Amino acid sequence: MSLEEKSQQLKDIISTYDTQWFLGDLSGLMKAISNGHAQDQLGKLSSPLRQLYFLGGLLVTSDSSNGIDFQYSPEKWNQIVILLNEIEREYDKLFFPKPDEEIDDEWKKIRKVAMPSFLAYFNQGPLNYEEQAINWVRDLYSQLDDIIKLEHGLKTDDFLKFYENIDALVQKKFQGYSSPKGEFKKEWLEYTKIKMGLVDEAQNLLKQ
């Protein structure tokens, strides 16, 4: 099976679990990594922390209405582990030449761009701090500003400013809620109930 097919198969398997229970269980497993516990579940994973984050990401993008299970059998967990390891090997294959593939300057150029991004995301993603991620986005995409602006009418810094404004708004509301005066308390309670969505006319970029 291809990388996409294996990822979809794994997503189908875990989509039957209750979201809160499953993410809570993953959190417990992550804590067990440092103390050597839960080796019956973690022992065969090639990179437990990275793979558990990947598993959580697959779950939260699944249809939560299917989440009715609160426990997995050893057989099902073993199936999850096998697919996680196979998926990681499929990612590795993307960066190594096939037996009959020519290694030319273009081949090397593509991997010089793609491999550092891949390694940073999969090896250090949980360790990144906000400023580091912002700088990474700016350094990577600002070189493509002409193309991005032609397609969307905005540049990289415009998207980052949009993010910073949302981040500042959330922080302001949170601080207002916890302040002695409680000046934003009522508004914050309503604000946190908002269910975000996109109208059908929104650009495809925003829907991805």
N, C-alpha and C. Protein backbone atom coordinates (compact mmCIF):
# COMPACT_ATOMS: atom_id res chain seq x y z
N MET A 1 0.83 -1.20 0.00
CA MET A 1 0.00 0.00 0.00
C MET A 1 0.87 1.25 0.00
N SER A 2 0.33 2.34 -0.52
CA SER A 2 1.05 3.60 -0.55
C SER A 2 0.99 4.26 0.83
N LEU A 3 1.77 5.32 0.98
CA LEU A 3 1.78 6.08 2.22
C LEU A 3 0.39 6.59 2.54
N GLU A 4 -0.29 7.14 1.54
CA GLU A 4 -1.64 7.67 1.75
C GLU A 4 -2.62 6.59 2.17
N GLU A 5 -2.52 5.42 1.54
CA GLU A 5 -3.43 4.31 1.86
C GLU A 5 -3.20 3.80 3.28
N LYS A 6 -1.94 3.70 3.69
CA LYS A 6 -1.64 3.22 5.04
C LYS A 6 -2.11 4.23 6.08
N SER A 7 -1.91 5.51 5.78
CA SER A 7 -2.36 6.55 6.72
C SER A 7 -3.88 6.52 6.86
N GLN A 8 -4.58 6.35 5.74
CA GLN A 8 -6.03 6.29 5.79
C GLN A 8 -6.51 5.05 6.53
N GLN A 9 -5.84 3.93 6.34
CA GLN A 9 -6.20 2.70 7.05
C GLN A 9 -6.05 2.89 8.55
N LEU A 10 -4.95 3.53 8.96
CA LEU A 10 -4.73 3.78 10.38
C LEU A 10 -5.78 4.74 10.91
N LYS A 11 -6.11 5.75 10.14
CA LYS A 11 -7.13 6.72 10.56
C LYS A 11 -8.48 6.04 10.73
N ASP A 12 -8.81 5.13 9.82
CA ASP A 12 -10.08 4.40 9.92
C ASP A 12 -10.13 3.54 11.19
N ILE A 13 -8.99 2.97 11.55
CA ILE A 13 -8.93 2.10 12.74
C ILE A 13 -9.19 2.89 14.01
N ILE A 14 -8.53 4.06 14.15
CA ILE A 14 -8.63 4.80 15.40
C ILE A 14 -9.85 5.71 15.45
N SER A 15 -10.53 5.91 14.32
CA SER A 15 -11.66 6.84 14.29
C SER A 15 -12.85 6.34 15.12
N THR A 16 -12.83 5.06 15.52
CA THR A 16 -13.94 4.51 16.31
C THR A 16 -13.81 4.83 17.79
N TYR A 17 -12.69 5.46 18.20
CA TYR A 17 -12.47 5.72 19.62
C TYR A 17 -12.98 7.10 20.03
N ASP A 18 -13.47 7.17 21.25
CA ASP A 18 -13.90 8.44 21.81
C ASP A 18 -12.70 9.38 21.87
N THR A 19 -12.87 10.60 21.38
CA THR A 19 -11.75 11.53 21.26
C THR A 19 -11.11 11.85 22.60
N GLN A 20 -11.90 12.21 23.60
CA GLN A 20 -11.33 12.57 24.89
C GLN A 20 -10.62 11.40 25.54
N TRP A 21 -11.22 10.22 25.45
CA TRP A 21 -10.57 9.07 26.05
C TRP A 21 -9.25 8.75 25.35
N PHE A 22 -9.27 8.76 24.02
CA PHE A 22 -8.09 8.36 23.26
C PHE A 22 -6.94 9.34 23.47
N LEU A 23 -7.23 10.65 23.41
CA LEU A 23 -6.17 11.65 23.62
C LEU A 23 -5.65 11.59 25.05
N GLY A 24 -6.53 11.31 26.00
CA GLY A 24 -6.09 11.14 27.38
C GLY A 24 -5.16 9.94 27.53
N ASP A 25 -5.50 8.86 26.85
CA ASP A 25 -4.66 7.67 26.90
C ASP A 25 -3.30 7.94 26.26
N LEU A 26 -3.30 8.67 25.13
CA LEU A 26 -2.03 9.02 24.49
C LEU A 26 -1.17 9.88 25.41
N SER A 27 -1.81 10.80 26.13
CA SER A 27 -1.09 11.64 27.07
C SER A 27 -0.42 10.80 28.16
N GLY A 28 -1.15 9.80 28.65
CA GLY A 28 -0.57 8.90 29.64
C GLY A 28 0.60 8.11 29.09
N LEU A 29 0.48 7.67 27.84
CA LEU A 29 1.57 6.93 27.22
C LEU A 29 2.80 7.82 27.03
N MET A 30 2.57 9.09 26.69
CA MET A 30 3.71 10.01 26.52
C MET A 30 4.47 10.18 27.83
N LYS A 31 3.73 10.26 28.93
CA LYS A 31 4.38 10.37 30.24
C LYS A 31 5.14 9.10 30.58
N ALA A 32 4.64 7.97 30.10
CA ALA A 32 5.28 6.69 30.42
C ALA A 32 6.59 6.50 29.65
N ILE A 33 6.81 7.27 28.59
CA ILE A 33 8.03 7.12 27.80
C ILE A 33 9.26 7.36 28.66
N SER A 34 9.22 8.41 29.50
CA SER A 34 10.39 8.80 30.29
C SER A 34 10.69 7.86 31.45
N ASN A 35 9.67 7.19 31.97
CA ASN A 35 9.92 6.31 33.12
C ASN A 35 9.98 4.83 32.76
N GLY A 36 9.89 4.53 31.45
CA GLY A 36 10.05 3.15 31.02
C GLY A 36 8.84 2.26 31.22
N HIS A 37 7.70 2.86 31.57
CA HIS A 37 6.48 2.07 31.76
C HIS A 37 5.78 1.82 30.43
N ALA A 38 4.74 1.00 30.46
CA ALA A 38 3.89 0.71 29.30
C ALA A 38 4.70 0.16 28.12
N GLN A 39 5.70 -0.63 28.41
CA GLN A 39 6.52 -1.19 27.34
C GLN A 39 5.74 -2.17 26.46
N ASP A 40 4.65 -2.71 26.99
CA ASP A 40 3.82 -3.59 26.17
C ASP A 40 3.18 -2.82 25.02
N GLN A 41 2.99 -1.51 25.20
CA GLN A 41 2.42 -0.68 24.15
C GLN A 41 3.47 0.13 23.39
N LEU A 42 4.51 0.55 24.09
CA LEU A 42 5.50 1.45 23.48
C LEU A 42 6.74 0.74 22.96
N GLY A 43 6.98 -0.47 23.43
CA GLY A 43 8.25 -1.15 23.15
C GLY A 43 8.57 -1.36 21.69
N LYS A 44 7.56 -1.52 20.85
CA LYS A 44 7.81 -1.81 19.44
C LYS A 44 7.73 -0.58 18.54
N LEU A 45 7.42 0.58 19.11
CA LEU A 45 7.38 1.80 18.30
C LEU A 45 8.81 2.26 18.01
N SER A 46 9.05 2.71 16.80
CA SER A 46 10.39 3.14 16.42
C SER A 46 10.73 4.51 17.00
N SER A 47 9.73 5.36 17.20
CA SER A 47 9.93 6.70 17.77
C SER A 47 8.65 7.07 18.52
N PRO A 48 8.49 6.59 19.76
CA PRO A 48 7.21 6.68 20.46
C PRO A 48 6.59 8.07 20.51
N LEU A 49 7.33 9.09 20.95
CA LEU A 49 6.74 10.41 21.12
C LEU A 49 6.26 10.97 19.78
N ARG A 50 7.10 10.88 18.79
CA ARG A 50 6.73 11.39 17.47
C ARG A 50 5.52 10.65 16.92
N GLN A 51 5.49 9.34 17.06
CA GLN A 51 4.40 8.54 16.51
C GLN A 51 3.10 8.73 17.27
N LEU A 52 3.17 8.96 18.57
CA LEU A 52 1.96 9.22 19.34
C LEU A 52 1.36 10.57 18.96
N TYR A 53 2.20 11.57 18.72
CA TYR A 53 1.70 12.86 18.23
C TYR A 53 1.01 12.69 16.88
N PHE A 54 1.62 11.91 16.01
CA PHE A 54 1.04 11.64 14.69
C PHE A 54 -0.31 10.96 14.84
N LEU A 55 -0.39 10.01 15.76
CA LEU A 55 -1.63 9.28 16.00
C LEU A 55 -2.72 10.22 16.50
N GLY A 56 -2.36 11.12 17.41
CA GLY A 56 -3.32 12.09 17.91
C GLY A 56 -3.81 13.01 16.81
N GLY A 57 -2.90 13.41 15.91
CA GLY A 57 -3.28 14.26 14.80
C GLY A 57 -4.26 13.59 13.87
N LEU A 58 -4.07 12.30 13.63
CA LEU A 58 -5.01 11.56 12.79
C LEU A 58 -6.39 11.50 13.43
N LEU A 59 -6.41 11.31 14.74
CA LEU A 59 -7.69 11.16 15.43
C LEU A 59 -8.51 12.45 15.38
N VAL A 60 -7.86 13.59 15.66
CA VAL A 60 -8.63 14.84 15.74
C VAL A 60 -9.12 15.30 14.37
N THR A 61 -8.61 14.71 13.30
CA THR A 61 -9.12 15.04 11.97
C THR A 61 -10.13 14.00 11.49
N SER A 62 -10.50 13.07 12.38
CA SER A 62 -11.50 12.07 12.05
C SER A 62 -12.89 12.57 12.45
N ASP A 63 -13.91 11.89 11.99
CA ASP A 63 -15.29 12.23 12.33
C ASP A 63 -15.56 11.78 13.77
N SER A 64 -15.73 12.75 14.68
CA SER A 64 -15.89 12.41 16.11
C SER A 64 -17.18 11.66 16.39
N SER A 65 -18.15 11.72 15.47
CA SER A 65 -19.41 11.02 15.71
C SER A 65 -19.25 9.51 15.69
N ASN A 66 -18.13 9.04 15.13
CA ASN A 66 -17.87 7.59 15.11
C ASN A 66 -17.20 7.10 16.40
N GLY A 67 -16.81 8.04 17.25
CA GLY A 67 -16.04 7.68 18.44
C GLY A 67 -16.88 7.10 19.57
N ILE A 68 -17.03 5.79 19.58
CA ILE A 68 -17.86 5.14 20.60
C ILE A 68 -17.05 4.16 21.46
N ASP A 69 -15.83 3.84 21.04
CA ASP A 69 -15.02 2.85 21.76
C ASP A 69 -14.17 3.52 22.84
N PHE A 70 -13.99 2.83 23.97
CA PHE A 70 -13.21 3.36 25.09
C PHE A 70 -12.07 2.43 25.50
N GLN A 71 -11.80 1.44 24.69
CA GLN A 71 -10.72 0.50 25.02
C GLN A 71 -10.31 -0.24 23.76
N TYR A 72 -9.00 -0.46 23.61
CA TYR A 72 -8.58 -1.26 22.47
C TYR A 72 -7.99 -2.58 22.95
N SER A 73 -8.15 -3.58 22.15
CA SER A 73 -7.62 -4.90 22.47
C SER A 73 -6.14 -4.93 22.13
N PRO A 74 -5.37 -5.86 22.71
CA PRO A 74 -3.95 -5.99 22.36
C PRO A 74 -3.76 -6.21 20.86
N GLU A 75 -4.68 -6.95 20.24
CA GLU A 75 -4.56 -7.21 18.80
C GLU A 75 -4.70 -5.91 17.99
N LYS A 76 -5.65 -5.07 18.40
CA LYS A 76 -5.87 -3.83 17.67
C LYS A 76 -4.72 -2.85 17.89
N TRP A 77 -4.21 -2.78 19.12
CA TRP A 77 -3.07 -1.90 19.36
C TRP A 77 -1.85 -2.36 18.57
N ASN A 78 -1.66 -3.67 18.47
CA ASN A 78 -0.54 -4.20 17.70
C ASN A 78 -0.68 -3.81 16.22
N GLN A 79 -1.90 -3.81 15.73
CA GLN A 79 -2.15 -3.39 14.35
C GLN A 79 -1.82 -1.90 14.17
N ILE A 80 -2.14 -1.09 15.17
CA ILE A 80 -1.81 0.34 15.14
C ILE A 80 -0.31 0.54 15.10
N VAL A 81 0.41 -0.20 15.94
CA VAL A 81 1.87 -0.08 16.00
C VAL A 81 2.51 -0.47 14.68
N ILE A 82 2.04 -1.56 14.08
CA ILE A 82 2.58 -2.02 12.80
C ILE A 82 2.41 -0.94 11.73
N LEU A 83 1.23 -0.35 11.67
CA LEU A 83 0.97 0.68 10.67
C LEU A 83 1.80 1.94 10.93
N LEU A 84 1.95 2.32 12.19
CA LEU A 84 2.78 3.49 12.52
C LEU A 84 4.21 3.30 12.04
N ASN A 85 4.76 2.13 12.28
CA ASN A 85 6.14 1.86 11.85
C ASN A 85 6.25 1.78 10.33
N GLU A 86 5.25 1.20 9.69
CA GLU A 86 5.27 1.12 8.23
C GLU A 86 5.16 2.51 7.60
N ILE A 87 4.33 3.37 8.19
CA ILE A 87 4.17 4.73 7.68
C ILE A 87 5.49 5.50 7.81
N GLU A 88 6.18 5.33 8.93
CA GLU A 88 7.46 6.02 9.08
C GLU A 88 8.47 5.55 8.05
N ARG A 89 8.47 4.26 7.77
CA ARG A 89 9.40 3.74 6.75
C ARG A 89 9.04 4.28 5.37
N GLU A 90 7.74 4.48 5.12
CA GLU A 90 7.32 5.04 3.83
C GLU A 90 7.81 6.48 3.69
N TYR A 91 7.77 7.24 4.77
CA TYR A 91 8.30 8.60 4.74
C TYR A 91 9.81 8.59 4.47
N ASP A 92 10.52 7.65 5.09
CA ASP A 92 11.97 7.55 4.88
C ASP A 92 12.29 7.30 3.41
N LYS A 93 11.48 6.47 2.78
CA LYS A 93 11.74 6.11 1.38
C LYS A 93 11.69 7.31 0.44
N LEU A 94 10.95 8.35 0.84
CA LEU A 94 10.82 9.52 -0.02
C LEU A 94 12.15 10.23 -0.24
N PHE A 95 13.08 10.02 0.68
CA PHE A 95 14.33 10.77 0.62
C PHE A 95 15.52 9.94 0.14
N PHE A 96 15.29 8.69 -0.17
CA PHE A 96 16.37 7.84 -0.66
C PHE A 96 16.09 7.43 -2.11
N PRO A 97 17.14 7.33 -2.91
CA PRO A 97 16.92 7.01 -4.34
C PRO A 97 16.45 5.59 -4.56
N LYS A 98 15.60 5.43 -5.58
CA LYS A 98 15.20 4.09 -5.99
C LYS A 98 16.36 3.45 -6.74
N PRO A 99 16.38 2.13 -6.85
CA PRO A 99 17.52 1.44 -7.48
C PRO A 99 17.89 1.98 -8.85
N ASP A 100 16.91 2.35 -9.66
CA ASP A 100 17.18 2.80 -11.03
C ASP A 100 17.08 4.32 -11.18
N GLU A 101 17.05 5.05 -10.06
CA GLU A 101 16.85 6.50 -10.11
C GLU A 101 18.18 7.23 -10.27
N GLU A 102 18.20 8.23 -11.15
CA GLU A 102 19.40 9.02 -11.39
C GLU A 102 19.52 10.11 -10.32
N ILE A 103 20.69 10.20 -9.71
CA ILE A 103 20.93 11.21 -8.68
C ILE A 103 21.63 12.40 -9.34
N ASP A 104 20.86 13.36 -9.82
CA ASP A 104 21.42 14.53 -10.47
C ASP A 104 21.28 15.75 -9.56
N ASP A 105 21.65 16.92 -10.07
CA ASP A 105 21.61 18.13 -9.26
C ASP A 105 20.18 18.47 -8.83
N GLU A 106 19.21 18.23 -9.70
CA GLU A 106 17.82 18.51 -9.36
C GLU A 106 17.34 17.61 -8.22
N TRP A 107 17.72 16.34 -8.27
CA TRP A 107 17.37 15.38 -7.21
C TRP A 107 17.92 15.86 -5.87
N LYS A 108 19.19 16.31 -5.87
CA LYS A 108 19.81 16.79 -4.64
C LYS A 108 19.17 18.09 -4.15
N LYS A 109 18.83 18.97 -5.10
CA LYS A 109 18.24 20.25 -4.74
C LYS A 109 16.90 20.06 -4.03
N ILE A 110 16.08 19.16 -4.55
CA ILE A 110 14.77 18.90 -3.94
C ILE A 110 14.93 18.41 -2.52
N ARG A 111 15.85 17.52 -2.27
CA ARG A 111 16.04 16.95 -0.94
C ARG A 111 16.70 17.92 0.03
N LYS A 112 17.49 18.83 -0.49
CA LYS A 112 18.08 19.87 0.37
C LYS A 112 16.99 20.77 0.95
N VAL A 113 15.91 20.94 0.20
CA VAL A 113 14.79 21.75 0.67
C VAL A 113 13.85 20.92 1.54
N ALA A 114 13.49 19.74 1.06
CA ALA A 114 12.45 18.94 1.72
C ALA A 114 12.93 18.22 2.97
N MET A 115 14.12 17.65 2.94
CA MET A 115 14.56 16.83 4.07
C MET A 115 14.71 17.62 5.37
N PRO A 116 15.33 18.81 5.38
CA PRO A 116 15.41 19.56 6.65
C PRO A 116 14.04 19.88 7.23
N SER A 117 13.06 20.22 6.36
CA SER A 117 11.70 20.50 6.84
C SER A 117 11.09 19.25 7.46
N PHE A 118 11.29 18.12 6.79
CA PHE A 118 10.76 16.85 7.28
C PHE A 118 11.36 16.50 8.64
N LEU A 119 12.68 16.59 8.74
CA LEU A 119 13.35 16.23 9.99
C LEU A 119 12.98 17.18 11.12
N ALA A 120 12.86 18.48 10.80
CA ALA A 120 12.49 19.45 11.84
C ALA A 120 11.10 19.16 12.37
N TYR A 121 10.17 18.82 11.45
CA TYR A 121 8.79 18.58 11.86
C TYR A 121 8.65 17.28 12.65
N PHE A 122 9.22 16.21 12.14
CA PHE A 122 9.01 14.91 12.76
C PHE A 122 9.95 14.63 13.92
N ASN A 123 11.12 15.25 13.95
CA ASN A 123 12.06 14.99 15.03
C ASN A 123 11.99 16.03 16.14
N GLN A 124 11.62 17.27 15.80
CA GLN A 124 11.68 18.34 16.79
C GLN A 124 10.36 19.08 16.93
N GLY A 125 9.33 18.67 16.21
CA GLY A 125 8.06 19.39 16.25
C GLY A 125 7.56 19.70 17.64
N PRO A 126 7.49 18.72 18.57
CA PRO A 126 6.96 18.99 19.91
C PRO A 126 7.85 19.94 20.70
N LEU A 127 9.13 20.12 20.29
CA LEU A 127 10.05 20.95 21.05
C LEU A 127 10.09 22.39 20.54
N ASN A 128 9.49 22.65 19.39
CA ASN A 128 9.54 23.99 18.81
C ASN A 128 8.77 24.97 19.68
N TYR A 129 9.27 26.22 19.78
CA TYR A 129 8.54 27.26 20.46
C TYR A 129 7.97 28.22 19.41
N GLU A 130 7.04 29.07 19.82
CA GLU A 130 6.26 29.85 18.87
C GLU A 130 7.14 30.72 17.96
N GLU A 131 8.09 31.45 18.54
CA GLU A 131 8.93 32.33 17.73
C GLU A 131 9.73 31.56 16.70
N GLN A 132 10.16 30.36 17.07
CA GLN A 132 10.91 29.52 16.14
C GLN A 132 10.04 29.11 14.96
N ALA A 133 8.79 28.75 15.24
CA ALA A 133 7.88 28.34 14.16
C ALA A 133 7.56 29.52 13.25
N ILE A 134 7.36 30.72 13.82
CA ILE A 134 7.08 31.91 13.02
C ILE A 134 8.26 32.23 12.11
N ASN A 135 9.47 32.18 12.66
CA ASN A 135 10.66 32.46 11.85
C ASN A 135 10.84 31.43 10.75
N TRP A 136 10.51 30.19 11.06
CA TRP A 136 10.62 29.13 10.06
C TRP A 136 9.66 29.38 8.90
N VAL A 137 8.42 29.75 9.22
CA VAL A 137 7.44 30.04 8.18
C VAL A 137 7.89 31.25 7.34
N ARG A 138 8.37 32.30 8.02
CA ARG A 138 8.80 33.50 7.29
C ARG A 138 9.99 33.19 6.37
N ASP A 139 10.98 32.47 6.88
CA ASP A 139 12.17 32.16 6.08
C ASP A 139 11.84 31.27 4.89
N LEU A 140 10.91 30.35 5.08
CA LEU A 140 10.59 29.39 4.03
C LEU A 140 9.71 30.01 2.94
N TYR A 141 8.66 30.74 3.36
CA TYR A 141 7.66 31.17 2.39
C TYR A 141 7.85 32.58 1.85
N SER A 142 8.60 33.42 2.55
CA SER A 142 8.77 34.79 2.06
C SER A 142 9.49 34.82 0.71
N GLN A 143 10.28 33.79 0.43
CA GLN A 143 10.96 33.71 -0.86
C GLN A 143 9.96 33.46 -2.01
N LEU A 144 8.76 33.03 -1.65
CA LEU A 144 7.73 32.73 -2.64
C LEU A 144 6.64 33.79 -2.65
N ASP A 145 6.91 34.96 -2.06
CA ASP A 145 5.88 35.98 -1.90
C ASP A 145 5.24 36.40 -3.22
N ASP A 146 6.03 36.49 -4.28
CA ASP A 146 5.47 36.91 -5.57
C ASP A 146 4.39 35.93 -6.04
N ILE A 147 4.68 34.64 -5.88
CA ILE A 147 3.72 33.61 -6.29
C ILE A 147 2.51 33.61 -5.37
N ILE A 148 2.75 33.70 -4.07
CA ILE A 148 1.66 33.68 -3.09
C ILE A 148 0.73 34.87 -3.29
N LYS A 149 1.32 36.07 -3.52
CA LYS A 149 0.50 37.27 -3.70
C LYS A 149 -0.31 37.19 -5.00
N LEU A 150 0.30 36.63 -6.04
CA LEU A 150 -0.41 36.48 -7.30
C LEU A 150 -1.62 35.57 -7.14
N GLU A 151 -1.49 34.54 -6.31
CA GLU A 151 -2.56 33.56 -6.13
C GLU A 151 -3.61 34.03 -5.13
N HIS A 152 -3.17 34.70 -4.04
CA HIS A 152 -4.09 35.00 -2.94
C HIS A 152 -4.20 36.48 -2.61
N GLY A 153 -3.36 37.34 -3.22
CA GLY A 153 -3.42 38.76 -2.93
C GLY A 153 -2.78 39.15 -1.62
N LEU A 154 -2.10 38.21 -0.97
CA LEU A 154 -1.45 38.44 0.32
C LEU A 154 -0.03 37.91 0.30
N LYS A 155 0.81 38.45 1.18
CA LYS A 155 2.17 37.95 1.32
C LYS A 155 2.31 37.19 2.63
N THR A 156 3.46 36.56 2.81
CA THR A 156 3.70 35.75 4.00
C THR A 156 3.49 36.55 5.28
N ASP A 157 4.01 37.77 5.33
CA ASP A 157 3.87 38.59 6.53
C ASP A 157 2.41 38.95 6.81
N ASP A 158 1.59 39.01 5.78
CA ASP A 158 0.16 39.28 5.99
C ASP A 158 -0.50 38.13 6.75
N PHE A 159 -0.16 36.89 6.36
CA PHE A 159 -0.71 35.73 7.05
C PHE A 159 -0.21 35.66 8.49
N LEU A 160 1.07 35.99 8.69
CA LEU A 160 1.63 35.97 10.04
C LEU A 160 1.01 37.05 10.91
N LYS A 161 0.73 38.22 10.32
CA LYS A 161 0.08 39.29 11.07
C LYS A 161 -1.33 38.87 11.47
N PHE A 162 -2.02 38.19 10.59
CA PHE A 162 -3.36 37.68 10.88
C PHE A 162 -3.30 36.73 12.08
N TYR A 163 -2.30 35.83 12.08
CA TYR A 163 -2.14 34.90 13.19
C TYR A 163 -1.84 35.65 14.49
N GLU A 164 -0.93 36.63 14.42
CA GLU A 164 -0.54 37.38 15.62
C GLU A 164 -1.73 38.15 16.20
N ASN A 165 -2.59 38.68 15.35
CA ASN A 165 -3.77 39.40 15.83
C ASN A 165 -4.73 38.47 16.56
N ILE A 166 -4.94 37.29 15.99
CA ILE A 166 -5.81 36.30 16.65
C ILE A 166 -5.20 35.87 17.98
N ASP A 167 -3.90 35.61 17.99
CA ASP A 167 -3.20 35.20 19.20
C ASP A 167 -3.31 36.27 20.28
N ALA A 168 -3.13 37.54 19.89
CA ALA A 168 -3.22 38.64 20.84
C ALA A 168 -4.64 38.78 21.39
N LEU A 169 -5.64 38.57 20.53
CA LEU A 169 -7.03 38.67 20.96
C LEU A 169 -7.36 37.60 22.00
N VAL A 170 -6.93 36.38 21.74
CA VAL A 170 -7.17 35.29 22.69
C VAL A 170 -6.50 35.59 24.03
N GLN A 171 -5.25 36.06 23.98
CA GLN A 171 -4.52 36.36 25.20
C GLN A 171 -5.19 37.50 25.99
N LYS A 172 -5.65 38.51 25.27
CA LYS A 172 -6.31 39.64 25.92
C LYS A 172 -7.59 39.20 26.61
N LYS A 173 -8.38 38.37 25.92
CA LYS A 173 -9.64 37.90 26.51
C LYS A 173 -9.36 37.03 27.73
N PHE A 174 -8.34 36.19 27.62
CA PHE A 174 -8.01 35.30 28.73
C PHE A 174 -7.56 36.09 29.96
N GLN A 175 -6.69 37.07 29.74
CA GLN A 175 -6.21 37.89 30.86
C GLN A 175 -7.35 38.70 31.47
N GLY A 176 -8.25 39.18 30.61
CA GLY A 176 -9.40 39.91 31.12
C GLY A 176 -10.30 39.05 31.98
N TYR A 177 -10.44 37.77 31.57
CA TYR A 177 -11.28 36.84 32.34
C TYR A 177 -10.69 36.58 33.72
N SER A 178 -9.35 36.51 33.80
CA SER A 178 -8.72 36.16 35.07
C SER A 178 -8.35 37.38 35.90
N SER A 179 -8.60 38.60 35.41
CA SER A 179 -8.24 39.80 36.16
C SER A 179 -9.22 40.02 37.31
N PRO A 180 -8.79 40.76 38.36
CA PRO A 180 -9.69 41.01 39.51
C PRO A 180 -10.99 41.69 39.11
N LYS A 181 -10.91 42.60 38.14
CA LYS A 181 -12.12 43.31 37.72
C LYS A 181 -13.05 42.43 36.90
N GLY A 182 -12.48 41.43 36.27
CA GLY A 182 -13.29 40.53 35.46
C GLY A 182 -13.98 41.24 34.32
N GLU A 183 -13.31 42.26 33.74
CA GLU A 183 -13.96 43.11 32.75
C GLU A 183 -14.41 42.37 31.50
N PHE A 184 -13.75 41.23 31.16
CA PHE A 184 -14.12 40.49 29.96
C PHE A 184 -14.81 39.17 30.31
N LYS A 185 -15.12 38.97 31.57
CA LYS A 185 -15.58 37.66 32.00
C LYS A 185 -16.78 37.17 31.21
N LYS A 186 -17.82 37.99 31.14
CA LYS A 186 -19.04 37.58 30.44
C LYS A 186 -18.75 37.36 28.96
N GLU A 187 -18.00 38.30 28.37
CA GLU A 187 -17.69 38.20 26.95
C GLU A 187 -16.81 36.98 26.67
N TRP A 188 -15.89 36.68 27.59
CA TRP A 188 -14.99 35.54 27.39
C TRP A 188 -15.75 34.22 27.39
N LEU A 189 -16.72 34.11 28.28
CA LEU A 189 -17.51 32.88 28.35
C LEU A 189 -18.26 32.65 27.04
N GLU A 190 -18.76 33.74 26.45
CA GLU A 190 -19.44 33.62 25.16
C GLU A 190 -18.43 33.33 24.05
N TYR A 191 -17.27 33.97 24.15
CA TYR A 191 -16.24 33.85 23.13
C TYR A 191 -15.76 32.40 23.00
N THR A 192 -15.62 31.74 24.14
CA THR A 192 -15.11 30.37 24.12
C THR A 192 -16.13 29.36 23.61
N LYS A 193 -17.38 29.78 23.45
CA LYS A 193 -18.40 28.88 22.93
C LYS A 193 -18.53 28.96 21.42
N ILE A 194 -17.81 29.90 20.82
CA ILE A 194 -17.92 30.08 19.37
C ILE A 194 -17.42 28.84 18.64
N LYS A 195 -18.20 28.38 17.70
CA LYS A 195 -17.79 27.27 16.84
C LYS A 195 -17.34 27.84 15.50
N MET A 196 -16.05 27.71 15.24
CA MET A 196 -15.50 28.30 14.03
C MET A 196 -15.93 27.50 12.80
N GLY A 197 -16.11 28.21 11.70
CA GLY A 197 -16.46 27.55 10.45
C GLY A 197 -16.13 28.46 9.29
N LEU A 198 -16.30 27.96 8.09
CA LEU A 198 -16.01 28.72 6.89
C LEU A 198 -17.20 28.66 5.95
N VAL A 199 -17.51 29.78 5.34
CA VAL A 199 -18.58 29.80 4.36
C VAL A 199 -18.12 29.11 3.09
N ASP A 200 -19.06 28.68 2.29
CA ASP A 200 -18.71 27.95 1.06
C ASP A 200 -17.88 28.80 0.11
N GLU A 201 -18.04 30.14 0.20
CA GLU A 201 -17.32 31.01 -0.72
C GLU A 201 -15.88 31.25 -0.32
N ALA A 202 -15.45 30.76 0.84
CA ALA A 202 -14.08 31.00 1.28
C ALA A 202 -13.08 30.36 0.33
N GLN A 203 -11.90 30.98 0.23
CA GLN A 203 -10.87 30.45 -0.66
C GLN A 203 -10.45 29.06 -0.21
N ASN A 204 -10.06 28.26 -1.17
CA ASN A 204 -9.66 26.88 -0.86
C ASN A 204 -8.50 26.83 0.11
N LEU A 205 -7.59 27.84 0.06
CA LEU A 205 -6.46 27.87 0.96
C LEU A 205 -6.89 27.83 2.42
N LEU A 206 -7.99 28.55 2.73
CA LEU A 206 -8.47 28.62 4.10
C LEU A 206 -9.15 27.34 4.54
N LYS A 207 -9.63 26.56 3.58
CA LYS A 207 -10.35 25.32 3.92
C LYS A 207 -9.40 24.16 4.14
N GLN A 208 -8.14 24.29 3.76
CA GLN A 208 -7.19 23.19 3.86
C GLN A 208 -6.67 23.06 5.27
